Amino acid sequence: MSREAKRRKKAFQDYANGKIDELKLARKLG
């Protein structure tokens, strides 16, 4: 898995866990 994919997966996990809000998730994915 690429570093980008790992980062994306972590961002989504953080969002699922309620650590970050949708805005931050969108910024990390975008």
PDB file of N, CA and C in Angstrom:
ATOM      1  N   MET A   1       0.845  -1.204   0.000  1.00  0.00           N
ATOM      2  CA  MET A   1       0.000   0.000   0.000  1.00  0.00           C
ATOM      3  C   MET A   1       0.878   1.251   0.000  1.00  0.00           C
ATOM      4  N   SER A   2       0.472   2.223  -0.808  1.00  0.00           N
ATOM      5  CA  SER A   2       1.251   3.462  -0.891  1.00  0.00           C
ATOM      6  C   SER A   2       1.093   4.296   0.377  1.00  0.00           C
ATOM      7  N   ARG A   3       2.014   5.216   0.552  1.00  0.00           N
ATOM      8  CA  ARG A   3       1.960   6.091   1.729  1.00  0.00           C
ATOM      9  C   ARG A   3       0.684   6.922   1.703  1.00  0.00           C
ATOM     10  N   GLU A   4       0.311   7.360   0.500  1.00  0.00           N
ATOM     11  CA  GLU A   4      -0.899   8.174   0.336  1.00  0.00           C
ATOM     12  C   GLU A   4      -2.136   7.398   0.777  1.00  0.00           C
ATOM     13  N   ALA A   5      -2.195   6.138   0.385  1.00  0.00           N
ATOM     14  CA  ALA A   5      -3.339   5.301   0.743  1.00  0.00           C
ATOM     15  C   ALA A   5      -3.401   5.075   2.252  1.00  0.00           C
ATOM     16  N   LYS A   6      -2.250   4.877   2.855  1.00  0.00           N
ATOM     17  CA  LYS A   6      -2.193   4.699   4.310  1.00  0.00           C
ATOM     18  C   LYS A   6      -2.694   5.947   5.029  1.00  0.00           C
ATOM     19  N   ARG A   7      -2.245   7.107   4.537  1.00  0.00           N
ATOM     20  CA  ARG A   7      -2.624   8.377   5.147  1.00  0.00           C
ATOM     21  C   ARG A   7      -4.132   8.580   5.038  1.00  0.00           C
ATOM     22  N   ARG A   8      -4.654   8.208   3.869  1.00  0.00           N
ATOM     23  CA  ARG A   8      -6.083   8.347   3.628  1.00  0.00           C
ATOM     24  C   ARG A   8      -6.885   7.446   4.553  1.00  0.00           C
ATOM     25  N   LYS A   9      -6.380   6.207   4.713  1.00  0.00           N
ATOM     26  CA  LYS A   9      -7.052   5.236   5.565  1.00  0.00           C
ATOM     27  C   LYS A   9      -7.059   5.719   7.011  1.00  0.00           C
ATOM     28  N   LYS A  10      -5.933   6.269   7.443  1.00  0.00           N
ATOM     29  CA  LYS A  10      -5.837   6.770   8.818  1.00  0.00           C
ATOM     30  C   LYS A  10      -6.782   7.946   9.036  1.00  0.00           C
ATOM     31  N   ALA A  11      -6.843   8.842   8.043  1.00  0.00           N
ATOM     32  CA  ALA A  11      -7.731   9.989   8.157  1.00  0.00           C
ATOM     33  C   ALA A  11      -9.172   9.514   8.297  1.00  0.00           C
ATOM     34  N   PHE A  12      -9.525   8.486   7.529  1.00  0.00           N
ATOM     35  CA  PHE A  12     -10.892   7.979   7.596  1.00  0.00           C
ATOM     36  C   PHE A  12     -11.163   7.309   8.935  1.00  0.00           C
ATOM     37  N   GLN A  13     -10.162   6.606   9.462  1.00  0.00           N
ATOM     38  CA  GLN A  13     -10.314   5.968  10.767  1.00  0.00           C
ATOM     39  C   GLN A  13     -10.468   7.013  11.866  1.00  0.00           C
ATOM     40  N   ASP A  14      -9.678   8.085  11.775  1.00  0.00           N
ATOM     41  CA  ASP A  14      -9.787   9.182  12.740  1.00  0.00           C
ATOM     42  C   ASP A  14     -11.192   9.769  12.704  1.00  0.00           C
ATOM     43  N   TYR A  15     -11.721   9.913  11.481  1.00  0.00           N
ATOM     44  CA  TYR A  15     -13.068  10.458  11.323  1.00  0.00           C
ATOM     45  C   TYR A  15     -14.099   9.506  11.926  1.00  0.00           C
ATOM     46  N   ALA A  16     -13.937   8.224  11.667  1.00  0.00           N
ATOM     47  CA  ALA A  16     -14.864   7.216  12.190  1.00  0.00           C
ATOM     48  C   ALA A  16     -14.841   7.201  13.712  1.00  0.00           C
ATOM     49  N   ASN A  17     -13.665   7.459  14.272  1.00  0.00           N
ATOM     50  CA  ASN A  17     -13.521   7.463  15.730  1.00  0.00           C
ATOM     51  C   ASN A  17     -13.937   8.791  16.354  1.00  0.00           C
ATOM     52  N   GLY A  18     -14.291   9.743  15.493  1.00  0.00           N
ATOM     53  CA  GLY A  18     -14.734  11.033  16.002  1.00  0.00           C
ATOM     54  C   GLY A  18     -13.595  11.950  16.405  1.00  0.00           C
ATOM     55  N   LYS A  19     -12.389  11.618  15.973  1.00  0.00           N
ATOM     56  CA  LYS A  19     -11.230  12.445  16.326  1.00  0.00           C
ATOM     57  C   LYS A  19     -11.165  13.706  15.483  1.00  0.00           C
ATOM     58  N   ILE A  20     -11.618  13.591  14.235  1.00  0.00           N
ATOM     59  CA  ILE A  20     -11.617  14.766  13.356  1.00  0.00           C
ATOM     60  C   ILE A  20     -13.004  14.942  12.763  1.00  0.00           C
ATOM     61  N   ASP A  21     -13.334  16.174  12.385  1.00  0.00           N
ATOM     62  CA  ASP A  21     -14.654  16.413  11.809  1.00  0.00           C
ATOM     63  C   ASP A  21     -14.610  16.263  10.291  1.00  0.00           C
ATOM     64  N   GLU A  22     -15.784  16.355   9.682  1.00  0.00           N
ATOM     65  CA  GLU A  22     -15.891  16.152   8.231  1.00  0.00           C
ATOM     66  C   GLU A  22     -15.022  17.120   7.441  1.00  0.00           C
ATOM     67  N   LEU A  23     -14.939  18.351   7.948  1.00  0.00           N
ATOM     68  CA  LEU A  23     -14.158  19.374   7.250  1.00  0.00           C
ATOM     69  C   LEU A  23     -12.688  18.964   7.162  1.00  0.00           C
ATOM     70  N   LYS A  24     -12.162  18.504   8.300  1.00  0.00           N
ATOM     71  CA  LYS A  24     -10.756  18.083   8.324  1.00  0.00           C
ATOM     72  C   LYS A  24     -10.551  16.845   7.469  1.00  0.00           C
ATOM     73  N   LEU A  25     -11.512  15.939   7.520  1.00  0.00           N
ATOM     74  CA  LEU A  25     -11.419  14.733   6.693  1.00  0.00           C
ATOM     75  C   LEU A  25     -11.363  15.108   5.225  1.00  0.00           C
ATOM     76  N   ALA A  26     -12.260  15.991   4.818  1.00  0.00           N
ATOM     77  CA  ALA A  26     -12.306  16.431   3.420  1.00  0.00           C
ATOM     78  C   ALA A  26     -10.997  17.073   3.008  1.00  0.00           C
ATOM     79  N   ARG A  27     -10.421  17.860   3.920  1.00  0.00           N
ATOM     80  CA  ARG A  27      -9.159  18.539   3.611  1.00  0.00           C
ATOM     81  C   ARG A  27      -8.030  17.520   3.448  1.00  0.00           C
ATOM     82  N   LYS A  28      -8.050  16.487   4.299  1.00  0.00           N
ATOM     83  CA  LYS A  28      -6.992  15.472   4.219  1.00  0.00           C
ATOM     84  C   LYS A  28      -7.139  14.612   2.977  1.00  0.00           C
ATOM     85  N   LEU A  29      -8.377  14.314   2.603  1.00  0.00           N
ATOM     86  CA  LEU A  29      -8.607  13.497   1.413  1.00  0.00           C
ATOM     87  C   LEU A  29      -8.419  14.313   0.145  1.00  0.00           C
ATOM     88  N   GLY A  30      -8.791  15.591   0.224  1.00  0.00           N
ATOM     89  CA  GLY A  30      -8.701  16.445  -0.947  1.00  0.00           C
ATOM     90  C   GLY A  30      -7.267  16.803  -1.246  1.00  0.00           C
TER      91      GLY A  30
END
